[in-house]
Amino acid sequence: MSKFEVDDVFRVSFQRLPIVTGFVDGEFTVGQGVELAKADGRVYRGVMTGMHIHTSSVAPNHFSITFSEPVSDNVEPGDVITTIDPDGGQP
C-alpha cells in the first residue's frame, strides 16, 4: 500500500478538481484506485486523475496530484490518501 500525506489543497478557478500537494511514500499511477479515510471514520474512494512532478533537492518526494470525486471534495491538509488493490481492498 502506498500513501500520500496531504500538506495543502488548492481549489483553483481554471480547473474543476483541486490540486492536492503532499509527500508520496510508494508508487501512484494515473487511474489507480485510492482511498481517503477521515479521522471520524468516513471513507471516500476514487481514482488518481493526474500528477505534476516537480523535483527538488529539498523535498524530493513532493508531488501535486488530482483525484476524482468524492476524494477531491473531502480532502484537507493533514489527510492521508492510500492506494487500494484492484480487488477493492487494502493489502
Protein backbone atom coordinates (compact mmCIF):
# COMPACT_ATOMS: atom_id res chain seq x y z
CA MET A 1 0.00 0.00 0.00
CA SER A 2 1.34 3.42 -0.98
CA LYS A 3 0.39 6.60 0.82
CA PHE A 4 0.14 10.30 0.02
CA GLU A 5 0.40 12.67 3.00
CA VAL A 6 -1.52 15.83 2.11
CA ASP A 7 0.06 19.16 3.03
CA ASP A 8 -2.19 21.54 1.06
CA VAL A 9 -5.26 21.71 -1.19
CA PHE A 10 -5.59 24.35 -3.93
CA ARG A 11 -9.07 24.92 -5.32
CA VAL A 12 -8.46 26.91 -8.50
CA SER A 13 -10.94 28.54 -10.87
CA PHE A 14 -9.34 27.19 -14.05
CA GLN A 15 -9.72 23.52 -13.08
CA ARG A 16 -12.70 21.52 -11.80
CA LEU A 17 -10.70 19.27 -9.47
CA PRO A 18 -8.47 20.82 -6.78
CA ILE A 19 -4.71 20.40 -6.89
CA VAL A 20 -3.58 18.42 -3.84
CA THR A 21 0.06 18.68 -2.75
CA GLY A 22 1.94 16.39 -0.43
CA PHE A 23 4.53 13.71 0.07
CA VAL A 24 4.42 10.28 -1.58
CA ASP A 25 5.62 7.09 0.09
CA GLY A 26 5.45 4.32 -2.51
CA GLU A 27 4.06 4.45 -6.04
CA PHE A 28 0.95 6.05 -7.52
CA THR A 29 -0.25 5.83 -11.13
CA VAL A 30 -2.93 7.74 -13.02
CA GLY A 31 -6.17 5.75 -12.95
CA GLN A 32 -5.22 3.88 -9.80
CA GLY A 33 -7.86 3.39 -7.10
CA VAL A 34 -7.33 5.40 -3.90
CA GLU A 35 -8.98 5.76 -0.51
CA LEU A 36 -9.26 8.74 1.82
CA ALA A 37 -10.03 7.68 5.40
CA LYS A 38 -11.01 10.57 7.67
CA ALA A 39 -10.30 10.64 11.41
CA ASP A 40 -14.03 10.38 12.19
CA GLY A 41 -14.33 7.09 10.29
CA ARG A 42 -15.73 8.37 6.99
CA VAL A 43 -14.12 6.73 3.95
CA TYR A 44 -14.09 8.11 0.40
CA ARG A 45 -12.90 6.18 -2.65
CA GLY A 46 -11.90 7.48 -6.04
CA VAL A 47 -9.05 7.40 -8.55
CA MET A 48 -5.93 9.41 -9.17
CA THR A 49 -6.65 11.57 -12.24
CA GLY A 50 -3.36 13.42 -12.77
CA MET A 51 0.08 14.26 -11.39
CA HIS A 52 2.60 17.07 -11.70
CA ILE A 53 6.17 16.04 -10.99
CA HIS A 54 8.40 18.77 -9.61
CA THR A 55 11.77 17.59 -8.38
CA SER A 56 13.55 19.40 -5.60
CA SER A 57 16.61 18.50 -3.57
CA VAL A 58 14.83 19.98 -0.53
CA ALA A 59 11.66 17.88 -0.94
CA PRO A 60 12.33 15.03 -3.40
CA ASN A 61 9.04 13.16 -2.80
CA HIS A 62 6.74 16.20 -3.00
CA PHE A 63 4.07 16.00 -5.73
CA SER A 64 0.93 17.76 -6.93
CA ILE A 65 -1.87 15.29 -7.66
CA THR A 66 -5.53 15.48 -8.66
CA PHE A 67 -8.12 12.95 -7.51
CA SER A 68 -11.69 12.22 -8.63
CA GLU A 69 -14.72 12.98 -6.52
CA PRO A 70 -15.57 12.24 -3.73
CA VAL A 71 -11.91 12.22 -2.62
CA SER A 72 -11.27 15.69 -4.09
CA ASP A 73 -14.43 17.08 -2.46
CA ASN A 74 -13.39 15.97 1.04
CA VAL A 75 -9.59 16.11 1.20
CA GLU A 76 -7.93 18.50 3.67
CA PRO A 77 -4.37 19.26 4.76
CA GLY A 78 -3.18 16.56 7.16
CA ASP A 79 -5.17 13.77 5.49
CA VAL A 80 -3.56 10.59 4.16
CA ILE A 81 -4.68 9.04 0.87
CA THR A 82 -3.74 5.41 0.26
CA THR A 83 -3.81 3.15 -2.78
CA ILE A 84 -6.29 0.29 -2.94
CA ASP A 85 -5.68 -3.00 -4.66
CA PRO A 86 -7.60 -3.87 -7.86
CA ASP A 87 -9.90 -6.21 -5.90
CA GLY A 88 -11.18 -3.24 -3.87
CA GLY A 89 -9.48 -3.91 -0.56
CA GLN A 90 -6.28 -2.77 1.01
CA PRO A 91 -3.32 -5.16 1.15
